[in-house]
Amino acid sequence: MVTKEQVMKALESVFDPEFPISVVDMGLIYDVKVSKASVSVSMTLTNPGCPMSSVIVNMVKNKIEGLKGVKAAEIELTFDPPWTPEMLSSTAKKKLGL
């Protein structure tokens, strides 16, 4: 069975199309739950009107479903709490010069 840590590690290779930063370092992943061969992810985007929302969600879903032992991934998009730049990891802040 895949672990939450393995899912998060895999998502480090999913990059926001507008920034050279992973969805993990962007702070877009709120929660990961693993139940047998199923993974549920609660995530956000930098803004509710993001034109790349479906692309980002599909990249996350495909990356998770590509993990050994995962049969299905469910992605819940939420804007509560809304994303803020404070959610960026220290690595992301450094890349963006913040």
N, C-alpha and C. Protein backbone atom coordinates (compact mmCIF):
# COMPACT_ATOMS: atom_id res chain seq x y z
N MET A 1 0.85 -1.19 0.00
CA MET A 1 0.00 0.00 0.00
C MET A 1 0.89 1.25 0.00
N VAL A 2 0.52 2.21 -0.80
CA VAL A 2 1.26 3.47 -0.88
C VAL A 2 1.02 4.28 0.40
N THR A 3 2.01 5.09 0.76
CA THR A 3 1.89 5.92 1.96
C THR A 3 1.67 7.38 1.57
N LYS A 4 1.23 8.16 2.53
CA LYS A 4 1.06 9.60 2.33
C LYS A 4 2.39 10.23 1.93
N GLU A 5 3.46 9.80 2.57
CA GLU A 5 4.79 10.34 2.27
C GLU A 5 5.19 10.06 0.82
N GLN A 6 4.87 8.86 0.32
CA GLN A 6 5.18 8.52 -1.07
C GLN A 6 4.38 9.37 -2.04
N VAL A 7 3.14 9.63 -1.70
CA VAL A 7 2.29 10.48 -2.54
C VAL A 7 2.88 11.89 -2.58
N MET A 8 3.20 12.44 -1.42
CA MET A 8 3.77 13.79 -1.37
C MET A 8 5.08 13.86 -2.15
N LYS A 9 5.92 12.85 -2.02
CA LYS A 9 7.19 12.82 -2.74
C LYS A 9 6.94 12.81 -4.25
N ALA A 10 5.97 12.03 -4.70
CA ALA A 10 5.64 11.98 -6.13
C ALA A 10 5.12 13.33 -6.61
N LEU A 11 4.35 14.02 -5.78
CA LEU A 11 3.78 15.31 -6.18
C LEU A 11 4.83 16.42 -6.25
N GLU A 12 6.01 16.16 -5.68
CA GLU A 12 7.09 17.14 -5.80
C GLU A 12 7.57 17.29 -7.25
N SER A 13 7.17 16.36 -8.11
CA SER A 13 7.56 16.44 -9.52
C SER A 13 6.44 16.99 -10.40
N VAL A 14 5.36 17.46 -9.77
CA VAL A 14 4.27 18.11 -10.50
C VAL A 14 4.44 19.61 -10.32
N PHE A 15 4.71 20.29 -11.42
CA PHE A 15 5.01 21.72 -11.35
C PHE A 15 3.84 22.57 -11.82
N ASP A 16 3.64 23.68 -11.14
CA ASP A 16 2.66 24.68 -11.55
C ASP A 16 3.11 25.17 -12.93
N PRO A 17 2.22 25.16 -13.94
CA PRO A 17 2.61 25.58 -15.28
C PRO A 17 3.10 27.03 -15.38
N GLU A 18 2.71 27.86 -14.43
CA GLU A 18 3.09 29.27 -14.49
C GLU A 18 4.37 29.59 -13.73
N PHE A 19 4.80 28.66 -12.86
CA PHE A 19 5.99 28.87 -12.05
C PHE A 19 6.83 27.60 -12.08
N PRO A 20 8.13 27.71 -11.98
CA PRO A 20 8.97 26.50 -11.95
C PRO A 20 9.05 25.90 -10.55
N ILE A 21 7.87 25.76 -9.93
CA ILE A 21 7.80 25.31 -8.54
C ILE A 21 6.76 24.21 -8.42
N SER A 22 7.06 23.18 -7.64
CA SER A 22 6.13 22.06 -7.49
C SER A 22 4.87 22.48 -6.73
N VAL A 23 3.81 21.72 -6.93
CA VAL A 23 2.56 22.00 -6.22
C VAL A 23 2.74 21.83 -4.72
N VAL A 24 3.70 20.98 -4.32
CA VAL A 24 3.99 20.80 -2.89
C VAL A 24 4.66 22.06 -2.34
N ASP A 25 5.70 22.54 -3.03
CA ASP A 25 6.40 23.74 -2.56
C ASP A 25 5.55 25.00 -2.68
N MET A 26 4.58 24.98 -3.60
CA MET A 26 3.65 26.11 -3.71
C MET A 26 2.69 26.14 -2.52
N GLY A 27 2.56 25.02 -1.82
CA GLY A 27 1.61 24.95 -0.70
C GLY A 27 0.20 24.66 -1.16
N LEU A 28 0.07 24.06 -2.34
CA LEU A 28 -1.25 23.81 -2.90
C LEU A 28 -1.89 22.52 -2.38
N ILE A 29 -1.10 21.63 -1.81
CA ILE A 29 -1.63 20.36 -1.31
C ILE A 29 -1.97 20.53 0.17
N TYR A 30 -3.25 20.44 0.48
CA TYR A 30 -3.71 20.61 1.86
C TYR A 30 -3.70 19.31 2.65
N ASP A 31 -4.15 18.21 2.00
CA ASP A 31 -4.25 16.95 2.74
C ASP A 31 -4.19 15.78 1.78
N VAL A 32 -3.64 14.67 2.26
CA VAL A 32 -3.58 13.43 1.50
C VAL A 32 -4.07 12.32 2.42
N LYS A 33 -5.03 11.54 1.93
CA LYS A 33 -5.54 10.39 2.69
C LYS A 33 -5.42 9.16 1.80
N VAL A 34 -4.86 8.10 2.39
CA VAL A 34 -4.68 6.84 1.67
C VAL A 34 -5.57 5.80 2.32
N SER A 35 -6.34 5.09 1.49
CA SER A 35 -7.20 4.02 1.96
C SER A 35 -7.08 2.85 0.99
N LYS A 36 -6.31 1.86 1.38
CA LYS A 36 -6.01 0.70 0.53
C LYS A 36 -5.41 1.16 -0.79
N ALA A 37 -6.10 0.96 -1.91
CA ALA A 37 -5.56 1.32 -3.22
C ALA A 37 -6.13 2.64 -3.73
N SER A 38 -6.69 3.43 -2.82
CA SER A 38 -7.32 4.69 -3.19
C SER A 38 -6.67 5.85 -2.44
N VAL A 39 -6.50 6.98 -3.14
CA VAL A 39 -5.89 8.16 -2.54
C VAL A 39 -6.82 9.34 -2.74
N SER A 40 -7.06 10.09 -1.68
CA SER A 40 -7.85 11.32 -1.75
C SER A 40 -6.93 12.49 -1.42
N VAL A 41 -7.02 13.52 -2.24
CA VAL A 41 -6.20 14.71 -2.04
C VAL A 41 -7.11 15.93 -1.98
N SER A 42 -6.87 16.75 -0.98
CA SER A 42 -7.53 18.05 -0.89
C SER A 42 -6.47 19.08 -1.26
N MET A 43 -6.78 19.89 -2.25
CA MET A 43 -5.80 20.87 -2.71
C MET A 43 -6.49 22.17 -3.12
N THR A 44 -5.67 23.18 -3.34
CA THR A 44 -6.16 24.47 -3.76
C THR A 44 -5.36 24.94 -4.96
N LEU A 45 -5.66 26.11 -5.41
CA LEU A 45 -4.92 26.79 -6.47
C LEU A 45 -4.61 28.19 -5.98
N THR A 46 -3.75 28.89 -6.68
CA THR A 46 -3.37 30.23 -6.23
C THR A 46 -4.54 31.20 -6.29
N ASN A 47 -5.51 30.94 -7.18
CA ASN A 47 -6.72 31.75 -7.19
C ASN A 47 -7.86 30.95 -7.81
N PRO A 48 -9.11 31.21 -7.42
CA PRO A 48 -10.24 30.44 -7.91
C PRO A 48 -10.44 30.52 -9.43
N GLY A 49 -9.99 31.57 -10.06
CA GLY A 49 -10.17 31.73 -11.50
C GLY A 49 -8.98 31.26 -12.31
N CYS A 50 -8.13 30.45 -11.74
CA CYS A 50 -6.93 29.98 -12.42
C CYS A 50 -7.29 29.29 -13.74
N PRO A 51 -6.78 29.79 -14.86
CA PRO A 51 -7.11 29.19 -16.15
C PRO A 51 -6.48 27.81 -16.35
N MET A 52 -5.52 27.46 -15.52
CA MET A 52 -4.85 26.16 -15.64
C MET A 52 -5.37 25.14 -14.63
N SER A 53 -6.50 25.42 -14.00
CA SER A 53 -7.01 24.56 -12.93
C SER A 53 -7.18 23.11 -13.37
N SER A 54 -7.81 22.87 -14.49
CA SER A 54 -8.04 21.49 -14.92
C SER A 54 -6.73 20.79 -15.26
N VAL A 55 -5.78 21.53 -15.81
CA VAL A 55 -4.48 20.95 -16.14
C VAL A 55 -3.75 20.53 -14.87
N ILE A 56 -3.71 21.40 -13.88
CA ILE A 56 -3.02 21.10 -12.62
C ILE A 56 -3.67 19.93 -11.91
N VAL A 57 -4.99 19.93 -11.81
CA VAL A 57 -5.71 18.84 -11.15
C VAL A 57 -5.45 17.52 -11.87
N ASN A 58 -5.49 17.53 -13.20
CA ASN A 58 -5.22 16.30 -13.95
C ASN A 58 -3.79 15.82 -13.79
N MET A 59 -2.83 16.73 -13.71
CA MET A 59 -1.44 16.34 -13.50
C MET A 59 -1.29 15.66 -12.14
N VAL A 60 -1.93 16.23 -11.11
CA VAL A 60 -1.87 15.65 -9.77
C VAL A 60 -2.51 14.25 -9.78
N LYS A 61 -3.69 14.14 -10.36
CA LYS A 61 -4.40 12.87 -10.43
C LYS A 61 -3.58 11.81 -11.17
N ASN A 62 -3.05 12.18 -12.33
CA ASN A 62 -2.27 11.23 -13.12
C ASN A 62 -1.00 10.79 -12.40
N LYS A 63 -0.34 11.70 -11.73
CA LYS A 63 0.88 11.35 -10.99
C LYS A 63 0.56 10.35 -9.89
N ILE A 64 -0.52 10.58 -9.16
CA ILE A 64 -0.89 9.67 -8.07
C ILE A 64 -1.31 8.32 -8.61
N GLU A 65 -2.13 8.32 -9.66
CA GLU A 65 -2.59 7.05 -10.22
C GLU A 65 -1.46 6.28 -10.90
N GLY A 66 -0.34 6.92 -11.15
CA GLY A 66 0.82 6.24 -11.70
C GLY A 66 1.67 5.54 -10.65
N LEU A 67 1.36 5.75 -9.39
CA LEU A 67 2.10 5.11 -8.32
C LEU A 67 1.69 3.64 -8.18
N LYS A 68 2.67 2.79 -7.95
CA LYS A 68 2.42 1.37 -7.77
C LYS A 68 1.49 1.16 -6.58
N GLY A 69 0.43 0.39 -6.79
CA GLY A 69 -0.52 0.08 -5.73
C GLY A 69 -1.71 1.01 -5.66
N VAL A 70 -1.72 2.07 -6.47
CA VAL A 70 -2.85 3.00 -6.47
C VAL A 70 -3.75 2.70 -7.66
N LYS A 71 -5.02 2.47 -7.37
CA LYS A 71 -5.99 2.20 -8.44
C LYS A 71 -6.82 3.43 -8.78
N ALA A 72 -6.99 4.32 -7.81
CA ALA A 72 -7.81 5.50 -8.06
C ALA A 72 -7.37 6.66 -7.18
N ALA A 73 -7.48 7.85 -7.75
CA ALA A 73 -7.18 9.07 -7.00
C ALA A 73 -8.35 10.02 -7.15
N GLU A 74 -8.76 10.58 -6.05
CA GLU A 74 -9.84 11.57 -6.05
C GLU A 74 -9.24 12.89 -5.59
N ILE A 75 -9.45 13.92 -6.40
CA ILE A 75 -8.90 15.23 -6.10
C ILE A 75 -10.04 16.18 -5.76
N GLU A 76 -10.00 16.73 -4.56
CA GLU A 76 -11.00 17.72 -4.14
C GLU A 76 -10.33 19.09 -4.19
N LEU A 77 -10.90 19.95 -4.99
CA LEU A 77 -10.40 21.31 -5.10
C LEU A 77 -11.17 22.20 -4.13
N THR A 78 -10.44 22.89 -3.27
CA THR A 78 -11.08 23.76 -2.28
C THR A 78 -10.36 25.11 -2.23
N PHE A 79 -11.08 26.10 -1.84
CA PHE A 79 -10.48 27.44 -1.69
C PHE A 79 -10.67 27.94 -0.26
N ASP A 80 -10.84 26.98 0.65
CA ASP A 80 -11.00 27.29 2.06
C ASP A 80 -10.01 26.47 2.85
N PRO A 81 -8.96 27.01 3.33
CA PRO A 81 -8.63 28.44 3.30
C PRO A 81 -8.05 28.83 1.94
N PRO A 82 -8.20 30.10 1.60
CA PRO A 82 -7.62 30.56 0.34
C PRO A 82 -6.09 30.54 0.40
N TRP A 83 -5.49 30.28 -0.76
CA TRP A 83 -4.03 30.26 -0.85
C TRP A 83 -3.47 31.66 -0.66
N THR A 84 -2.34 31.74 0.04
CA THR A 84 -1.62 33.01 0.19
C THR A 84 -0.14 32.72 -0.01
N PRO A 85 0.66 33.72 -0.34
CA PRO A 85 2.09 33.50 -0.53
C PRO A 85 2.80 32.96 0.72
N GLU A 86 2.22 33.12 1.88
CA GLU A 86 2.81 32.58 3.10
C GLU A 86 2.85 31.05 3.08
N MET A 87 2.05 30.43 2.21
CA MET A 87 1.99 28.98 2.11
C MET A 87 3.16 28.40 1.31
N LEU A 88 3.92 29.26 0.65
CA LEU A 88 5.09 28.81 -0.10
C LEU A 88 6.13 28.21 0.85
N SER A 89 6.77 27.15 0.41
CA SER A 89 7.87 26.59 1.21
C SER A 89 9.06 27.54 1.16
N SER A 90 10.02 27.32 2.03
CA SER A 90 11.21 28.17 2.00
C SER A 90 11.96 28.01 0.68
N THR A 91 11.93 26.81 0.11
CA THR A 91 12.56 26.56 -1.19
C THR A 91 11.89 27.41 -2.27
N ALA A 92 10.55 27.43 -2.27
CA ALA A 92 9.80 28.21 -3.26
C ALA A 92 10.06 29.70 -3.09
N LYS A 93 10.09 30.17 -1.86
CA LYS A 93 10.33 31.58 -1.60
C LYS A 93 11.71 31.99 -2.13
N LYS A 94 12.67 31.12 -1.93
CA LYS A 94 14.02 31.40 -2.40
C LYS A 94 14.05 31.47 -3.93
N LYS A 95 13.38 30.52 -4.61
CA LYS A 95 13.33 30.52 -6.08
C LYS A 95 12.67 31.77 -6.62
N LEU A 96 11.68 32.27 -5.88
CA LEU A 96 10.95 33.47 -6.33
C LEU A 96 11.58 34.75 -5.83
N GLY A 97 12.65 34.64 -5.06
CA GLY A 97 13.34 35.82 -4.56
C GLY A 97 12.60 36.54 -3.46
N LEU A 98 11.80 35.80 -2.71
CA LEU A 98 11.03 36.40 -1.61
C LEU A 98 11.72 36.22 -0.27
